C-alpha atoms as a PDB file:
ATOM      1  CA  UNK A   1      22.213   1.625  20.833  1.00  0.00           C
ATOM      2  CA  UNK A   2      19.786  -1.102  19.826  1.00  0.00           C
ATOM      3  CA  UNK A   3      19.786  -3.607  17.029  1.00  0.00           C
ATOM      4  CA  UNK A   4      17.115  -3.367  14.317  1.00  0.00           C
ATOM      5  CA  UNK A   5      16.233  -6.591  12.523  1.00  0.00           C
ATOM      6  CA  UNK A   6      15.387  -6.794   8.836  1.00  0.00           C
ATOM      7  CA  UNK A   7      11.784  -7.614   9.749  1.00  0.00           C
ATOM      8  CA  UNK A   8      11.596  -4.433  11.818  1.00  0.00           C
ATOM      9  CA  UNK A   9      13.261  -2.415   9.051  1.00  0.00           C
ATOM     10  CA  UNK A  10      11.110  -3.792   6.204  1.00  0.00           C
ATOM     11  CA  UNK A  11       8.248  -1.259   6.456  1.00  0.00           C
ATOM     12  CA  UNK A  12      10.764   1.592   6.430  1.00  0.00           C
ATOM     13  CA  UNK A  13      12.393   0.248   3.260  1.00  0.00           C
ATOM     14  CA  UNK A  14       9.163   0.058   1.241  1.00  0.00           C
ATOM     15  CA  UNK A  15       7.847   3.162  -0.517  1.00  0.00           C
ATOM     16  CA  UNK A  16       4.216   2.074  -0.064  1.00  0.00           C
ATOM     17  CA  UNK A  17       4.572   2.603   3.682  1.00  0.00           C
ATOM     18  CA  UNK A  18       5.194   6.325   3.128  1.00  0.00           C
ATOM     19  CA  UNK A  19       2.075   6.928   0.995  1.00  0.00           C
ATOM     20  CA  UNK A  20      -0.565   9.147   2.596  1.00  0.00           C
ATOM     21  CA  UNK A  21      -3.391  11.354   1.311  1.00  0.00           C
ATOM     22  CA  UNK A  22      -0.977  14.263   1.103  1.00  0.00           C
ATOM     23  CA  UNK A  23       2.232  12.391   0.299  1.00  0.00           C
ATOM     24  CA  UNK A  24       2.241  10.477  -2.977  1.00  0.00           C
ATOM     25  CA  UNK A  25       4.448  10.023  -6.006  1.00  0.00           C
ATOM     26  CA  UNK A  26       8.264  10.218  -6.080  1.00  0.00           C
ATOM     27  CA  UNK A  27       8.573  11.705  -2.581  1.00  0.00           C
ATOM     28  CA  UNK A  28       7.477   8.370  -1.090  1.00  0.00           C
ATOM     29  CA  UNK A  29      10.707   6.838  -2.391  1.00  0.00           C
ATOM     30  CA  UNK A  30      12.752   9.282  -0.363  1.00  0.00           C
ATOM     31  CA  UNK A  31      11.999   7.554   2.944  1.00  0.00           C
ATOM     32  CA  UNK A  32      13.362   4.123   1.923  1.00  0.00           C
ATOM     33  CA  UNK A  33      16.445   5.737   0.354  1.00  0.00           C
ATOM     34  CA  UNK A  34      17.231   7.663   3.536  1.00  0.00           C
ATOM     35  CA  UNK A  35      16.712   4.621   5.754  1.00  0.00           C
ATOM     36  CA  UNK A  36      18.921   2.532   3.459  1.00  0.00           C
ATOM     37  CA  UNK A  37      21.786   5.027   3.750  1.00  0.00           C
ATOM     38  CA  UNK A  38      21.473   5.160   7.542  1.00  0.00           C
ATOM     39  CA  UNK A  39      20.974   1.412   8.008  1.00  0.00           C
ATOM     40  CA  UNK A  40      23.412   0.229   5.341  1.00  0.00           C
ATOM     41  CA  UNK A  41      26.140   2.900   5.440  1.00  0.00           C
ATOM     42  CA  UNK A  42      25.749   4.445   8.892  1.00  0.00           C
ATOM     43  CA  UNK A  43      25.136   7.992   7.673  1.00  0.00           C
ATOM     44  CA  UNK A  44      23.603  10.386  10.180  1.00  0.00           C
ATOM     45  CA  UNK A  45      20.472  12.357   9.125  1.00  0.00           C
ATOM     46  CA  UNK A  46      22.422  15.609   8.687  1.00  0.00           C
ATOM     47  CA  UNK A  47      24.958  13.843   6.464  1.00  0.00           C
ATOM     48  CA  UNK A  48      22.193  12.337   4.360  1.00  0.00           C
ATOM     49  CA  UNK A  49      20.464  15.674   3.861  1.00  0.00           C
ATOM     50  CA  UNK A  50      23.774  17.235   2.779  1.00  0.00           C
ATOM     51  CA  UNK A  51      24.602  14.566   0.197  1.00  0.00           C
ATOM     52  CA  UNK A  52      25.443  15.999  -3.208  1.00  0.00           C
ATOM     53  CA  UNK A  53      25.728  14.349  -6.570  1.00  0.00           C
ATOM     54  CA  UNK A  54      29.531  14.362  -6.320  1.00  0.00           C
ATOM     55  CA  UNK A  55      29.369  12.147  -3.228  1.00  0.00           C
ATOM     56  CA  UNK A  56      27.423   9.398  -4.994  1.00  0.00           C
ATOM     57  CA  UNK A  57      29.429   6.763  -6.907  1.00  0.00           C
ATOM     58  CA  UNK A  58      32.289   8.984  -8.115  1.00  0.00           C
ATOM     59  CA  UNK A  59      33.836   7.508 -11.223  1.00  0.00           C
ATOM     60  CA  UNK A  60      30.965   5.014 -11.480  1.00  0.00           C
ATOM     61  CA  UNK A  61      32.282   2.934  -8.564  1.00  0.00           C
ATOM     62  CA  UNK A  62      29.850   1.728  -5.872  1.00  0.00           C
ATOM     63  CA  UNK A  63      31.317   4.021  -3.247  1.00  0.00           C
ATOM     64  CA  UNK A  64      29.886   6.812  -1.154  1.00  0.00           C
ATOM     65  CA  UNK A  65      32.501   9.558  -0.845  1.00  0.00           C
ATOM     66  CA  UNK A  66      31.381  11.198   2.411  1.00  0.00           C
ATOM     67  CA  UNK A  67      33.340  14.440   2.231  1.00  0.00           C
ATOM     68  CA  UNK A  68      31.284  17.065   4.063  1.00  0.00           C
ATOM     69  CA  UNK A  69      33.993  19.689   4.593  1.00  0.00           C
ATOM     70  CA  UNK A  70      32.463  23.150   4.270  1.00  0.00           C
ATOM     71  CA  UNK A  71      28.846  21.929   4.154  1.00  0.00           C
ATOM     72  CA  UNK A  72      26.224  23.173   6.588  1.00  0.00           C
ATOM     73  CA  UNK A  73      22.665  22.344   7.561  1.00  0.00           C
ATOM     74  CA  UNK A  74      20.519  24.895   9.316  1.00  0.00           C
ATOM     75  CA  UNK A  75      23.589  27.133   9.533  1.00  0.00           C
ATOM     76  CA  UNK A  76      25.602  24.530  11.455  1.00  0.00           C
ATOM     77  CA  UNK A  77      28.708  22.906   9.984  1.00  0.00           C
ATOM     78  CA  UNK A  78      28.675  19.165   9.375  1.00  0.00           C
ATOM     79  CA  UNK A  79      31.383  17.790  11.660  1.00  0.00           C
ATOM     80  CA  UNK A  80      32.059  14.265  10.501  1.00  0.00           C
ATOM     81  CA  UNK A  81      35.236  12.860   9.066  1.00  0.00           C
ATOM     82  CA  UNK A  82      35.889  12.212   5.398  1.00  0.00           C
ATOM     83  CA  UNK A  83      35.392   8.530   4.654  1.00  0.00           C
ATOM     84  CA  UNK A  84      34.784   6.311   1.641  1.00  0.00           C
ATOM     85  CA  UNK A  85      32.126   3.674   2.176  1.00  0.00           C
ATOM     86  CA  UNK A  86      31.151   0.767  -0.072  1.00  0.00           C
ATOM     87  CA  UNK A  87      27.502   0.858  -1.114  1.00  0.00           C
ATOM     88  CA  UNK A  88      25.461  -2.317  -0.562  1.00  0.00           C
ATOM     89  CA  UNK A  89      23.529  -3.331  -3.715  1.00  0.00           C
ATOM     90  CA  UNK A  90      20.108  -2.642  -2.232  1.00  0.00           C
ATOM     91  CA  UNK A  91      21.165   0.773  -0.964  1.00  0.00           C
ATOM     92  CA  UNK A  92      22.097   1.719  -4.510  1.00  0.00           C
ATOM     93  CA  UNK A  93      18.775   0.339  -5.770  1.00  0.00           C
ATOM     94  CA  UNK A  94      16.698   2.415  -3.356  1.00  0.00           C
ATOM     95  CA  UNK A  95      18.640   5.653  -3.755  1.00  0.00           C
ATOM     96  CA  UNK A  96      18.575   5.479  -7.543  1.00  0.00           C
ATOM     97  CA  UNK A  97      14.912   4.471  -7.563  1.00  0.00           C
ATOM     98  CA  UNK A  98      14.198   7.698  -5.690  1.00  0.00           C
ATOM     99  CA  UNK A  99      16.549  10.017  -7.570  1.00  0.00           C
ATOM    100  CA  UNK A 100      16.028   8.447 -10.988  1.00  0.00           C
ATOM    101  CA  UNK A 101      18.655   6.255 -12.627  1.00  0.00           C
ATOM    102  CA  UNK A 102      18.540   8.294 -15.845  1.00  0.00           C
ATOM    103  CA  UNK A 103      19.234  11.572 -14.077  1.00  0.00           C
ATOM    104  CA  UNK A 104      21.083  11.194 -10.822  1.00  0.00           C
ATOM    105  CA  UNK A 105      22.152  14.554  -9.358  1.00  0.00           C
ATOM    106  CA  UNK A 106      25.675  15.614 -10.206  1.00  0.00           C
ATOM    107  CA  UNK A 107      28.228  18.039  -8.793  1.00  0.00           C
ATOM    108  CA  UNK A 108      26.757  20.100  -5.973  1.00  0.00           C
ATOM    109  CA  UNK A 109      23.144  19.221  -6.781  1.00  0.00           C
ATOM    110  CA  UNK A 110      21.445  17.775  -3.673  1.00  0.00           C
ATOM    111  CA  UNK A 111      20.473  14.127  -3.771  1.00  0.00           C
ATOM    112  CA  UNK A 112      17.446  14.679  -1.523  1.00  0.00           C
ATOM    113  CA  UNK A 113      14.722  17.271  -1.982  1.00  0.00           C
ATOM    114  CA  UNK A 114      11.360  18.069  -0.459  1.00  0.00           C
ATOM    115  CA  UNK A 115       8.103  17.557  -2.340  1.00  0.00           C
ATOM    116  CA  UNK A 116       8.214  21.174  -3.563  1.00  0.00           C
ATOM    117  CA  UNK A 117      11.619  20.637  -5.165  1.00  0.00           C
ATOM    118  CA  UNK A 118      13.586  22.549  -2.541  1.00  0.00           C
ATOM    119  CA  UNK A 119      16.458  21.006  -0.636  1.00  0.00           C
ATOM    120  CA  UNK A 120      15.266  18.559   1.990  1.00  0.00           C
ATOM    121  CA  UNK A 121      14.967  19.859   5.549  1.00  0.00           C
ATOM    122  CA  UNK A 122      15.318  18.036   8.836  1.00  0.00           C
ATOM    123  CA  UNK A 123      11.714  18.867   9.712  1.00  0.00           C
ATOM    124  CA  UNK A 124      10.366  17.250   6.539  1.00  0.00           C
ATOM    125  CA  UNK A 125      12.521  14.174   7.122  1.00  0.00           C
ATOM    126  CA  UNK A 126      11.289  13.756  10.689  1.00  0.00           C
ATOM    127  CA  UNK A 127       7.664  14.115   9.566  1.00  0.00           C
ATOM    128  CA  UNK A 128       8.025  11.600   6.751  1.00  0.00           C
ATOM    129  CA  UNK A 129       9.715   9.030   8.975  1.00  0.00           C
ATOM    130  CA  UNK A 130       6.618   8.886  11.186  1.00  0.00           C
ATOM    131  CA  UNK A 131       4.470   7.303   8.470  1.00  0.00           C
ATOM    132  CA  UNK A 132       5.703   3.674   8.632  1.00  0.00           C
ATOM    133  CA  UNK A 133       5.489   3.797  12.425  1.00  0.00           C
ATOM    134  CA  UNK A 134       1.822   4.722  12.225  1.00  0.00           C
ATOM    135  CA  UNK A 135       1.214   1.540  10.272  1.00  0.00           C
ATOM    136  CA  UNK A 136       3.290  -0.811  12.393  1.00  0.00           C
ATOM    137  CA  UNK A 137       3.124   0.741  15.833  1.00  0.00           C
ATOM    138  CA  UNK A 138       6.921   0.741  15.995  1.00  0.00           C
ATOM    139  CA  UNK A 139       8.346   4.224  15.568  1.00  0.00           C
ATOM    140  CA  UNK A 140      11.928   4.298  14.303  1.00  0.00           C
ATOM    141  CA  UNK A 141      13.981   7.282  13.189  1.00  0.00           C
ATOM    142  CA  UNK A 142      16.810   7.745  10.697  1.00  0.00           C
ATOM    143  CA  UNK A 143      19.139   8.295  13.647  1.00  0.00           C
ATOM    144  CA  UNK A 144      18.022   4.968  15.145  1.00  0.00           C
ATOM    145  CA  UNK A 145      18.951   3.164  11.922  1.00  0.00           C
ATOM    146  CA  UNK A 146      22.383   4.815  11.921  1.00  0.00           C
ATOM    147  CA  UNK A 147      22.820   3.727  15.550  1.00  0.00           C
ATOM    148  CA  UNK A 148      21.878   0.157  14.601  1.00  0.00           C
ATOM    149  CA  UNK A 149      24.615   0.216  11.963  1.00  0.00           C
ATOM    150  CA  UNK A 150      27.142   1.406  14.543  1.00  0.00           C
ATOM    151  CA  UNK A 151      26.017  -1.196  17.067  1.00  0.00           C
ATOM    152  CA  UNK A 152      26.401  -3.983  14.512  1.00  0.00           C
ATOM    153  CA  UNK A 153      30.065  -3.044  14.089  1.00  0.00           C
ATOM    154  CA  UNK A 154      30.695  -3.660  17.772  1.00  0.00           C
ATOM    155  CA  UNK A 155      28.896  -7.000  17.958  1.00  0.00           C
ATOM    156  CA  UNK A 156      31.484  -9.808  18.121  1.00  0.00           C
ATOM    157  CA  UNK A 157      31.173 -12.516  15.488  1.00  0.00           C
ATOM    158  CA  UNK A 158      31.375 -16.208  16.371  1.00  0.00           C
ATOM    159  CA  UNK A 159      34.894 -16.453  14.973  1.00  0.00           C
ATOM    160  CA  UNK A 160      36.183 -13.307  16.653  1.00  0.00           C
ATOM    161  CA  UNK A 161      37.430 -12.489  20.102  1.00  0.00           C
ATOM    162  CA  UNK A 162      35.356  -9.701  21.646  1.00  0.00           C
ATOM    163  CA  UNK A 163      37.080  -6.374  21.138  1.00  0.00           C
ATOM    164  CA  UNK A 164      39.208  -7.694  18.265  1.00  0.00           C
ATOM    165  CA  UNK A 165      38.428  -4.713  16.071  1.00  0.00           C
ATOM    166  CA  UNK A 166      40.974  -3.100  13.776  1.00  0.00           C
ATOM    167  CA  UNK A 167      42.114  -0.021  15.748  1.00  0.00           C
ATOM    168  CA  UNK A 168      40.226   2.992  14.511  1.00  0.00           C
ATOM    169  CA  UNK A 169      38.003   1.142  12.023  1.00  0.00           C
ATOM    170  CA  UNK A 170      34.847   1.682  14.074  1.00  0.00           C
ATOM    171  CA  UNK A 171      35.508   5.411  14.261  1.00  0.00           C
ATOM    172  CA  UNK A 172      36.269   5.531  10.550  1.00  0.00           C
ATOM    173  CA  UNK A 173      33.026   3.812   9.553  1.00  0.00           C
ATOM    174  CA  UNK A 174      30.851   5.911  11.861  1.00  0.00           C
ATOM    175  CA  UNK A 175      32.530   9.240  11.087  1.00  0.00           C
ATOM    176  CA  UNK A 176      33.853   9.790  14.608  1.00  0.00           C
ATOM    177  CA  UNK A 177      37.178  11.345  15.550  1.00  0.00           C
ATOM    178  CA  UNK A 178      39.907   8.773  14.758  1.00  0.00           C
ATOM    179  CA  UNK A 179      41.910   7.134  17.513  1.00  0.00           C
ATOM    180  CA  UNK A 180      45.519   8.028  18.118  1.00  0.00           C
ATOM    181  CA  UNK A 181      47.697   5.633  16.183  1.00  0.00           C
ATOM    182  CA  UNK A 182      44.926   4.526  13.858  1.00  0.00           C
ATOM    183  CA  UNK A 183      46.024   3.681  10.337  1.00  0.00           C
ATOM    184  CA  UNK A 184      42.888   5.461   9.113  1.00  0.00           C
ATOM    185  CA  UNK A 185      43.538   8.881  10.626  1.00  0.00           C
ATOM    186  CA  UNK A 186      44.759  10.148   7.264  1.00  0.00           C
ATOM    187  CA  UNK A 187      44.017   7.285   4.862  1.00  0.00           C
ATOM    188  CA  UNK A 188      41.134   5.067   3.790  1.00  0.00           C
ATOM    189  CA  UNK A 189      40.835   1.307   4.332  1.00  0.00           C
ATOM    190  CA  UNK A 190      40.829  -0.880   1.183  1.00  0.00           C
ATOM    191  CA  UNK A 191      37.297  -1.000  -0.199  1.00  0.00           C
ATOM    192  CA  UNK A 192      37.429  -4.745  -0.813  1.00  0.00           C
ATOM    193  CA  UNK A 193      38.293  -5.401   2.806  1.00  0.00           C
ATOM    194  CA  UNK A 194      35.509  -3.072   3.942  1.00  0.00           C
ATOM    195  CA  UNK A 195      32.959  -4.895   1.789  1.00  0.00           C
ATOM    196  CA  UNK A 196      33.954  -8.232   3.309  1.00  0.00           C
ATOM    197  CA  UNK A 197      33.877  -6.819   6.826  1.00  0.00           C
ATOM    198  CA  UNK A 198      30.496  -5.098   6.438  1.00  0.00           C
ATOM    199  CA  UNK A 199      28.895  -8.061   4.670  1.00  0.00           C
ATOM    200  CA  UNK A 200      29.464 -10.107   7.833  1.00  0.00           C
ATOM    201  CA  UNK A 201      27.856  -7.541  10.100  1.00  0.00           C
ATOM    202  CA  UNK A 202      25.405  -5.172   8.415  1.00  0.00           C
ATOM    203  CA  UNK A 203      21.866  -6.308   7.644  1.00  0.00           C
ATOM    204  CA  UNK A 204      21.536  -4.295   4.413  1.00  0.00           C
ATOM    205  CA  UNK A 205      24.240  -6.522   2.897  1.00  0.00           C
ATOM    206  CA  UNK A 206      22.114  -9.632   3.577  1.00  0.00           C
ATOM    207  CA  UNK A 207      18.890  -8.756   1.764  1.00  0.00           C
ATOM    208  CA  UNK A 208      17.784 -11.212  -0.918  1.00  0.00           C
ATOM    209  CA  UNK A 209      14.995 -11.010  -3.480  1.00  0.00           C
ATOM    210  CA  UNK A 210      12.443 -12.537  -1.142  1.00  0.00           C
ATOM    211  CA  UNK A 211      12.828  -9.671   1.318  1.00  0.00           C
ATOM    212  CA  UNK A 212      10.832  -7.283  -0.867  1.00  0.00           C
ATOM    213  CA  UNK A 213       7.900  -9.646  -1.313  1.00  0.00           C
ATOM    214  CA  UNK A 214       7.458 -11.010   2.200  1.00  0.00           C
ATOM    215  CA  UNK A 215       4.819  -8.942   3.961  1.00  0.00           C
ATOM    216  CA  UNK A 216       4.390  -6.569   1.015  1.00  0.00           C
ATOM    217  CA  UNK A 217       0.666  -7.283   0.731  1.00  0.00           C
ATOM    218  CA  UNK A 218      -0.053  -6.224   4.321  1.00  0.00           C
ATOM    219  CA  UNK A 219       2.083  -3.098   3.965  1.00  0.00           C
ATOM    220  CA  UNK A 220       0.704  -1.897   0.639  1.00  0.00           C
ATOM    221  CA  UNK A 221      -2.552  -0.284   1.813  1.00  0.00           C
ATOM    222  CA  UNK A 222      -2.454   3.483   2.007  1.00  0.00           C
ATOM    223  CA  UNK A 223      -3.064   5.413   5.191  1.00  0.00           C
ATOM    224  CA  UNK A 224      -5.320   8.355   5.953  1.00  0.00           C
ATOM    225  CA  UNK A 225      -2.663   9.955   8.139  1.00  0.00           C
ATOM    226  CA  UNK A 226      -1.082  13.153   6.831  1.00  0.00           C
END
């Protein structure tokens, strides 16, 4: 797994980089929202495509309730664990900018759709993710952003001893099978503690206002690619 810097991620977090002759309007906001969820919350592409309104900020709290039990994509069951993840501020901004703050999906309504209004497919996601790479020459995928999130969790901080990770926390945050003896096999870590932990490690928690303006001029031109 490789790290992805904020500079490398910037084109993928700006809607203008998804505009093409055949892709305009609200659908261009879908790309940044998907990247934000992968890069800031570690969701895999299949999890993102299966997100429903009930998963997003239940009770009005900035939490992603990733409960995929019984959901399928392409006929295959989603096999990730139930976890509750804090939402970084800029992840919320990008997802709600795409979905519409006045009418976020609710219940079992899908958060992500294709341009024709149908539920988003993996093929359409893969195609859309190619557009920023055509502009920058650096092709990144939603899965690569999720891997960068996972890699950041394993990177030791200056004030930590390498490997000093709460047993089972890595597996919890990435949706993997929990370790034997982990406190999070059946429960959820305190959200406040998760926010503090992730803010030290995950790039999407470190974005400031200047991030959106730096380099925006060079990324704003539209492309002739489909």
